[in-house]
PDB file of N, CA and C in Angstrom:
ATOM      1  N   MET A   1       0.826  -1.197   0.000  1.00  0.00           N
ATOM      2  CA  MET A   1       0.000   0.000   0.000  1.00  0.00           C
ATOM      3  C   MET A   1       0.867   1.256   0.000  1.00  0.00           C
ATOM      4  N   LYS A   2       1.943   1.260   0.833  1.00  0.00           N
ATOM      5  CA  LYS A   2       2.815   2.430   0.890  1.00  0.00           C
ATOM      6  C   LYS A   2       3.503   2.670  -0.453  1.00  0.00           C
ATOM      7  N   ILE A   3       3.855   1.584  -1.143  1.00  0.00           N
ATOM      8  CA  ILE A   3       4.499   1.727  -2.447  1.00  0.00           C
ATOM      9  C   ILE A   3       3.532   2.354  -3.440  1.00  0.00           C
ATOM     10  N   LEU A   4       2.286   1.915  -3.423  1.00  0.00           N
ATOM     11  CA  LEU A   4       1.278   2.462  -4.328  1.00  0.00           C
ATOM     12  C   LEU A   4       1.079   3.950  -4.079  1.00  0.00           C
ATOM     13  N   VAL A   5       0.987   4.338  -2.824  1.00  0.00           N
ATOM     14  CA  VAL A   5       0.812   5.757  -2.487  1.00  0.00           C
ATOM     15  C   VAL A   5       2.042   6.542  -2.918  1.00  0.00           C
ATOM     16  N   SER A   6       3.233   5.980  -2.725  1.00  0.00           N
ATOM     17  CA  SER A   6       4.464   6.656  -3.139  1.00  0.00           C
ATOM     18  C   SER A   6       4.493   6.869  -4.646  1.00  0.00           C
ATOM     19  N   LEU A   7       4.090   5.859  -5.387  1.00  0.00           N
ATOM     20  CA  LEU A   7       4.054   5.997  -6.842  1.00  0.00           C
ATOM     21  C   LEU A   7       3.046   7.055  -7.270  1.00  0.00           C
ATOM     22  N   GLN A   8       1.919   7.084  -6.597  1.00  0.00           N
ATOM     23  CA  GLN A   8       0.900   8.077  -6.924  1.00  0.00           C
ATOM     24  C   GLN A   8       1.398   9.483  -6.604  1.00  0.00           C
ATOM     25  N   LEU A   9       2.120   9.630  -5.507  1.00  0.00           N
ATOM     26  CA  LEU A   9       2.672  10.939  -5.163  1.00  0.00           C
ATOM     27  C   LEU A   9       3.724  11.368  -6.178  1.00  0.00           C
ATOM     28  N   CYS A  10       4.514  10.428  -6.675  1.00  0.00           N
ATOM     29  CA  CYS A  10       5.483  10.755  -7.730  1.00  0.00           C
ATOM     30  C   CYS A  10       4.762  11.274  -8.968  1.00  0.00           C
ATOM     31  N   LEU A  11       3.662  10.651  -9.312  1.00  0.00           N
ATOM     32  CA  LEU A  11       2.866  11.114 -10.446  1.00  0.00           C
ATOM     33  C   LEU A  11       2.379  12.534 -10.203  1.00  0.00           C
ATOM     34  N   LEU A  12       1.908  12.800  -9.003  1.00  0.00           N
ATOM     35  CA  LEU A  12       1.419  14.139  -8.672  1.00  0.00           C
ATOM     36  C   LEU A  12       2.518  15.178  -8.805  1.00  0.00           C
ATOM     37  N   PHE A  13       3.689  14.884  -8.260  1.00  0.00           N
ATOM     38  CA  PHE A  13       4.781  15.844  -8.338  1.00  0.00           C
ATOM     39  C   PHE A  13       5.228  16.050  -9.779  1.00  0.00           C
ATOM     40  N   SER A  14       5.182  15.010 -10.577  1.00  0.00           N
ATOM     41  CA  SER A  14       5.511  15.156 -11.995  1.00  0.00           C
ATOM     42  C   SER A  14       4.550  16.117 -12.673  1.00  0.00           C
ATOM     43  N   LEU A  15       3.284  16.006 -12.335  1.00  0.00           N
ATOM     44  CA  LEU A  15       2.285  16.901 -12.914  1.00  0.00           C
ATOM     45  C   LEU A  15       2.522  18.342 -12.488  1.00  0.00           C
ATOM     46  N   LEU A  16       2.962  18.538 -11.263  1.00  0.00           N
ATOM     47  CA  LEU A  16       3.158  19.891 -10.753  1.00  0.00           C
ATOM     48  C   LEU A  16       4.337  20.598 -11.410  1.00  0.00           C
ATOM     49  N   PHE A  17       5.284  19.859 -11.964  1.00  0.00           N
ATOM     50  CA  PHE A  17       6.457  20.476 -12.566  1.00  0.00           C
ATOM     51  C   PHE A  17       6.261  20.839 -14.028  1.00  0.00           C
ATOM     52  N   VAL A  18       5.120  20.563 -14.563  1.00  0.00           N
ATOM     53  CA  VAL A  18       4.831  20.964 -15.933  1.00  0.00           C
ATOM     54  C   VAL A  18       4.617  22.470 -15.934  1.00  0.00           C
ATOM     55  N   VAL A  19       5.452  23.183 -16.661  1.00  0.00           N
ATOM     56  CA  VAL A  19       5.404  24.641 -16.607  1.00  0.00           C
ATOM     57  C   VAL A  19       4.306  25.200 -17.492  1.00  0.00           C
ATOM     58  N   THR A  20       4.266  24.797 -18.728  1.00  0.00           N
ATOM     59  CA  THR A  20       3.267  25.305 -19.650  1.00  0.00           C
ATOM     60  C   THR A  20       2.416  24.149 -20.138  1.00  0.00           C
ATOM     61  N   ILE A  21       1.134  24.341 -20.043  1.00  0.00           N
ATOM     62  CA  ILE A  21       0.228  23.255 -20.387  1.00  0.00           C
ATOM     63  C   ILE A  21      -1.096  23.866 -20.828  1.00  0.00           C
ATOM     64  N   ASN A  22      -1.663  23.345 -21.880  1.00  0.00           N
ATOM     65  CA  ASN A  22      -2.940  23.908 -22.323  1.00  0.00           C
ATOM     66  C   ASN A  22      -4.090  23.211 -21.596  1.00  0.00           C
ATOM     67  N   ALA A  23      -5.275  23.765 -21.735  1.00  0.00           N
ATOM     68  CA  ALA A  23      -6.438  23.276 -20.982  1.00  0.00           C
ATOM     69  C   ALA A  23      -6.763  21.823 -21.306  1.00  0.00           C
ATOM     70  N   GLN A  24      -6.649  21.426 -22.562  1.00  0.00           N
ATOM     71  CA  GLN A  24      -6.960  20.040 -22.931  1.00  0.00           C
ATOM     72  C   GLN A  24      -5.940  19.082 -22.336  1.00  0.00           C
ATOM     73  N   ASP A  25      -4.656  19.466 -22.373  1.00  0.00           N
ATOM     74  CA  ASP A  25      -3.627  18.628 -21.760  1.00  0.00           C
ATOM     75  C   ASP A  25      -3.880  18.478 -20.267  1.00  0.00           C
ATOM     76  N   GLU A  26      -4.229  19.586 -19.614  1.00  0.00           N
ATOM     77  CA  GLU A  26      -4.494  19.530 -18.179  1.00  0.00           C
ATOM     78  C   GLU A  26      -5.666  18.595 -17.890  1.00  0.00           C
ATOM     79  N   ALA A  27      -6.722  18.693 -18.667  1.00  0.00           N
ATOM     80  CA  ALA A  27      -7.880  17.814 -18.483  1.00  0.00           C
ATOM     81  C   ALA A  27      -7.474  16.351 -18.666  1.00  0.00           C
ATOM     82  N   ASN A  28      -6.620  16.077 -19.644  1.00  0.00           N
ATOM     83  CA  ASN A  28      -6.153  14.704 -19.867  1.00  0.00           C
ATOM     84  C   ASN A  28      -5.324  14.203 -18.689  1.00  0.00           C
ATOM     85  N   TYR A  29      -4.419  15.048 -18.173  1.00  0.00           N
ATOM     86  CA  TYR A  29      -3.601  14.657 -17.026  1.00  0.00           C
ATOM     87  C   TYR A  29      -4.466  14.386 -15.804  1.00  0.00           C
ATOM     88  N   MET A  30      -5.451  15.230 -15.591  1.00  0.00           N
ATOM     89  CA  MET A  30      -6.313  15.048 -14.427  1.00  0.00           C
ATOM     90  C   MET A  30      -7.169  13.790 -14.576  1.00  0.00           C
ATOM     91  N   SER A  31      -7.583  13.481 -15.792  1.00  0.00           N
ATOM     92  CA  SER A  31      -8.331  12.253 -16.042  1.00  0.00           C
ATOM     93  C   SER A  31      -7.455  11.031 -15.753  1.00  0.00           C
ATOM     94  N   GLN A  32      -6.182  11.101 -16.147  1.00  0.00           N
ATOM     95  CA  GLN A  32      -5.249  10.012 -15.865  1.00  0.00           C
ATOM     96  C   GLN A  32      -5.028   9.860 -14.363  1.00  0.00           C
ATOM     97  N   LEU A  33      -4.930  10.996 -13.670  1.00  0.00           N
ATOM     98  CA  LEU A  33      -4.772  10.952 -12.221  1.00  0.00           C
ATOM     99  C   LEU A  33      -5.993  10.307 -11.576  1.00  0.00           C
ATOM    100  N   LEU A  34      -7.169  10.670 -12.045  1.00  0.00           N
ATOM    101  CA  LEU A  34      -8.414  10.092 -11.530  1.00  0.00           C
ATOM    102  C   LEU A  34      -8.395   8.573 -11.666  1.00  0.00           C
ATOM    103  N   LYS A  35      -7.944   8.080 -12.814  1.00  0.00           N
ATOM    104  CA  LYS A  35      -7.890   6.634 -13.042  1.00  0.00           C
ATOM    105  C   LYS A  35      -6.838   5.956 -12.171  1.00  0.00           C
ATOM    106  N   ALA A  36      -5.753   6.679 -11.852  1.00  0.00           N
ATOM    107  CA  ALA A  36      -4.643   6.086 -11.106  1.00  0.00           C
ATOM    108  C   ALA A  36      -4.912   5.963  -9.616  1.00  0.00           C
ATOM    109  N   LEU A  37      -5.753   6.818  -9.076  1.00  0.00           N
ATOM    110  CA  LEU A  37      -5.989   6.807  -7.636  1.00  0.00           C
ATOM    111  C   LEU A  37      -7.020   5.748  -7.250  1.00  0.00           C
ATOM    112  N   THR A  38      -6.634   4.911  -6.290  1.00  0.00           N
ATOM    113  CA  THR A  38      -7.529   3.884  -5.785  1.00  0.00           C
ATOM    114  C   THR A  38      -7.489   3.924  -4.271  1.00  0.00           C
ATOM    115  N   PRO A  39      -8.592   4.083  -3.611  1.00  0.00           N
ATOM    116  CA  PRO A  39      -9.919   4.299  -4.169  1.00  0.00           C
ATOM    117  C   PRO A  39     -10.048   5.710  -4.733  1.00  0.00           C
ATOM    118  N   THR A  40     -10.999   5.881  -5.611  1.00  0.00           N
ATOM    119  CA  THR A  40     -11.250   7.196  -6.196  1.00  0.00           C
ATOM    120  C   THR A  40     -11.722   8.150  -5.103  1.00  0.00           C
ATOM    121  N   PRO A  41     -11.060   9.305  -4.982  1.00  0.00           N
ATOM    122  CA  PRO A  41     -11.508  10.275  -3.974  1.00  0.00           C
ATOM    123  C   PRO A  41     -12.961  10.685  -4.212  1.00  0.00           C
ATOM    124  N   SER A  42     -13.714  10.847  -3.129  1.00  0.00           N
ATOM    125  CA  SER A  42     -15.114  11.241  -3.279  1.00  0.00           C
ATOM    126  C   SER A  42     -15.189  12.630  -3.890  1.00  0.00           C
ATOM    127  N   GLY A  43     -16.163  12.821  -4.751  1.00  0.00           N
ATOM    128  CA  GLY A  43     -16.335  14.103  -5.417  1.00  0.00           C
ATOM    129  C   GLY A  43     -15.547  14.221  -6.709  1.00  0.00           C
ATOM    130  N   TRP A  44     -14.781  13.192  -7.066  1.00  0.00           N
ATOM    131  CA  TRP A  44     -14.010  13.211  -8.305  1.00  0.00           C
ATOM    132  C   TRP A  44     -14.749  12.396  -9.356  1.00  0.00           C
ATOM    133  N   SER A  45     -14.955  12.983 -10.516  1.00  0.00           N
ATOM    134  CA  SER A  45     -15.666  12.303 -11.590  1.00  0.00           C
ATOM    135  C   SER A  45     -15.322  12.963 -12.913  1.00  0.00           C
ATOM    136  N   ASN A  46     -15.240  12.165 -13.964  1.00  0.00           N
ATOM    137  CA  ASN A  46     -15.032  12.737 -15.297  1.00  0.00           C
ATOM    138  C   ASN A  46     -16.253  13.511 -15.773  1.00  0.00           C
ATOM    139  N   ASN A  47     -17.350  13.425 -15.017  1.00  0.00           N
ATOM    140  CA  ASN A  47     -18.567  14.151 -15.385  1.00  0.00           C
ATOM    141  C   ASN A  47     -18.560  15.598 -14.901  1.00  0.00           C
ATOM    142  N   THR A  48     -17.572  15.955 -14.065  1.00  0.00           N
ATOM    143  CA  THR A  48     -17.465  17.334 -13.589  1.00  0.00           C
ATOM    144  C   THR A  48     -16.072  17.864 -13.895  1.00  0.00           C
ATOM    145  N   HIS A  49     -15.953  19.178 -14.044  1.00  0.00           N
ATOM    146  CA  HIS A  49     -14.652  19.790 -14.311  1.00  0.00           C
ATOM    147  C   HIS A  49     -13.733  19.535 -13.124  1.00  0.00           C
ATOM    148  N   HIS A  50     -12.481  19.216 -13.407  1.00  0.00           N
ATOM    149  CA  HIS A  50     -11.550  18.856 -12.340  1.00  0.00           C
ATOM    150  C   HIS A  50     -11.321  19.988 -11.334  1.00  0.00           C
ATOM    151  N   CYS A  51     -11.550  21.220 -11.711  1.00  0.00           N
ATOM    152  CA  CYS A  51     -11.413  22.324 -10.750  1.00  0.00           C
ATOM    153  C   CYS A  51     -12.500  22.279  -9.675  1.00  0.00           C
ATOM    154  N   ASN A  52     -13.545  21.493  -9.899  1.00  0.00           N
ATOM    155  CA  ASN A  52     -14.610  21.332  -8.905  1.00  0.00           C
ATOM    156  C   ASN A  52     -14.399  20.118  -8.004  1.00  0.00           C
ATOM    157  N   TRP A  53     -13.339  19.352  -8.242  1.00  0.00           N
ATOM    158  CA  TRP A  53     -13.075  18.175  -7.430  1.00  0.00           C
ATOM    159  C   TRP A  53     -12.568  18.593  -6.054  1.00  0.00           C
ATOM    160  N   THR A  54     -12.951  17.844  -5.039  1.00  0.00           N
ATOM    161  CA  THR A  54     -12.484  18.089  -3.680  1.00  0.00           C
ATOM    162  C   THR A  54     -10.965  17.946  -3.627  1.00  0.00           C
ATOM    163  N   GLY A  55     -10.291  18.938  -3.055  1.00  0.00           N
ATOM    164  CA  GLY A  55      -8.839  18.886  -2.910  1.00  0.00           C
ATOM    165  C   GLY A  55      -8.066  19.469  -4.074  1.00  0.00           C
ATOM    166  N   ILE A  56      -8.750  19.842  -5.153  1.00  0.00           N
ATOM    167  CA  ILE A  56      -8.084  20.465  -6.297  1.00  0.00           C
ATOM    168  C   ILE A  56      -8.272  21.970  -6.184  1.00  0.00           C
ATOM    169  N   VAL A  57      -7.163  22.693  -6.229  1.00  0.00           N
ATOM    170  CA  VAL A  57      -7.205  24.150  -6.123  1.00  0.00           C
ATOM    171  C   VAL A  57      -6.847  24.729  -7.484  1.00  0.00           C
ATOM    172  N   CYS A  58      -7.730  25.566  -8.015  1.00  0.00           N
ATOM    173  CA  CYS A  58      -7.515  26.174  -9.332  1.00  0.00           C
ATOM    174  C   CYS A  58      -7.535  27.692  -9.231  1.00  0.00           C
ATOM    175  N   GLN A  59      -6.815  28.321 -10.142  1.00  0.00           N
ATOM    176  CA  GLN A  59      -6.887  29.759 -10.356  1.00  0.00           C
ATOM    177  C   GLN A  59      -7.011  29.955 -11.855  1.00  0.00           C
ATOM    178  N   SER A  60      -7.971  30.744 -12.261  1.00  0.00           N
ATOM    179  CA  SER A  60      -8.227  30.979 -13.688  1.00  0.00           C
ATOM    180  C   SER A  60      -8.389  29.664 -14.436  1.00  0.00           C
ATOM    181  N   SER A  61      -9.105  28.733 -13.825  1.00  0.00           N
ATOM    182  CA  SER A  61      -9.407  27.412 -14.407  1.00  0.00           C
ATOM    183  C   SER A  61      -8.174  26.554 -14.655  1.00  0.00           C
ATOM    184  N   GLN A  62      -7.077  26.824 -13.951  1.00  0.00           N
ATOM    185  CA  GLN A  62      -5.881  25.993 -14.046  1.00  0.00           C
ATOM    186  C   GLN A  62      -5.512  25.489 -12.658  1.00  0.00           C
ATOM    187  N   VAL A  63      -5.095  24.226 -12.598  1.00  0.00           N
ATOM    188  CA  VAL A  63      -4.725  23.619 -11.327  1.00  0.00           C
ATOM    189  C   VAL A  63      -3.449  24.270 -10.799  1.00  0.00           C
ATOM    190  N   VAL A  64      -3.503  24.699  -9.539  1.00  0.00           N
ATOM    191  CA  VAL A  64      -2.319  25.260  -8.886  1.00  0.00           C
ATOM    192  C   VAL A  64      -1.907  24.433  -7.671  1.00  0.00           C
ATOM    193  N   ALA A  65      -2.796  23.558  -7.196  1.00  0.00           N
ATOM    194  CA  ALA A  65      -2.457  22.692  -6.064  1.00  0.00           C
ATOM    195  C   ALA A  65      -3.372  21.474  -6.050  1.00  0.00           C
ATOM    196  N   ILE A  66      -2.804  20.377  -5.561  1.00  0.00           N
ATOM    197  CA  ILE A  66      -3.563  19.145  -5.386  1.00  0.00           C
ATOM    198  C   ILE A  66      -3.353  18.706  -3.947  1.00  0.00           C
ATOM    199  N   LYS A  67      -4.437  18.631  -3.189  1.00  0.00           N
ATOM    200  CA  LYS A  67      -4.365  18.277  -1.770  1.00  0.00           C
ATOM    201  C   LYS A  67      -5.079  16.947  -1.550  1.00  0.00           C
ATOM    202  N   LEU A  68      -4.289  15.895  -1.313  1.00  0.00           N
ATOM    203  CA  LEU A  68      -4.859  14.560  -1.126  1.00  0.00           C
ATOM    204  C   LEU A  68      -4.720  14.071   0.307  1.00  0.00           C
ATOM    205  N   THR A  69      -4.317  14.940   1.211  1.00  0.00           N
ATOM    206  CA  THR A  69      -4.050  14.501   2.576  1.00  0.00           C
ATOM    207  C   THR A  69      -5.273  13.934   3.276  1.00  0.00           C
ATOM    208  N   GLN A  70      -6.468  14.343   2.885  1.00  0.00           N
ATOM    209  CA  GLN A  70      -7.657  13.804   3.534  1.00  0.00           C
ATOM    210  C   GLN A  70      -7.912  12.350   3.147  1.00  0.00           C
ATOM    211  N   TRP A  71      -7.315  11.884   2.054  1.00  0.00           N
ATOM    212  CA  TRP A  71      -7.505  10.496   1.621  1.00  0.00           C
ATOM    213  C   TRP A  71      -6.291   9.626   1.884  1.00  0.00           C
ATOM    214  N   TYR A  72      -5.110  10.207   1.744  1.00  0.00           N
ATOM    215  CA  TYR A  72      -3.884   9.428   1.837  1.00  0.00           C
ATOM    216  C   TYR A  72      -2.949  10.076   2.845  1.00  0.00           C
ATOM    217  N   THR A  73      -2.564   9.329   3.859  1.00  0.00           N
ATOM    218  CA  THR A  73      -1.635   9.855   4.844  1.00  0.00           C
ATOM    219  C   THR A  73      -0.262   9.256   4.597  1.00  0.00           C
ATOM    220  N   PRO A  74       0.777  10.063   4.743  1.00  0.00           N
ATOM    221  CA  PRO A  74       2.145   9.560   4.488  1.00  0.00           C
ATOM    222  C   PRO A  74       2.588   8.539   5.510  1.00  0.00           C
TER     223      PRO A  74
END
């Protein structure tokens, strides 16, 4: 379980280091993140914009922070 969480955190940090990204790319990355997280965090769905997901912080419709501490503890 710890290895899975570590791998997921590596994915998250990789996403955060992307400097320039268009809206479609961001939506694709967030969709991939949604598929990678098990269990799926509540409030996360491909039916809603990722900026409305619990723990996702956006500014001007772009992700600036991802907070998963309520689901995954280190």
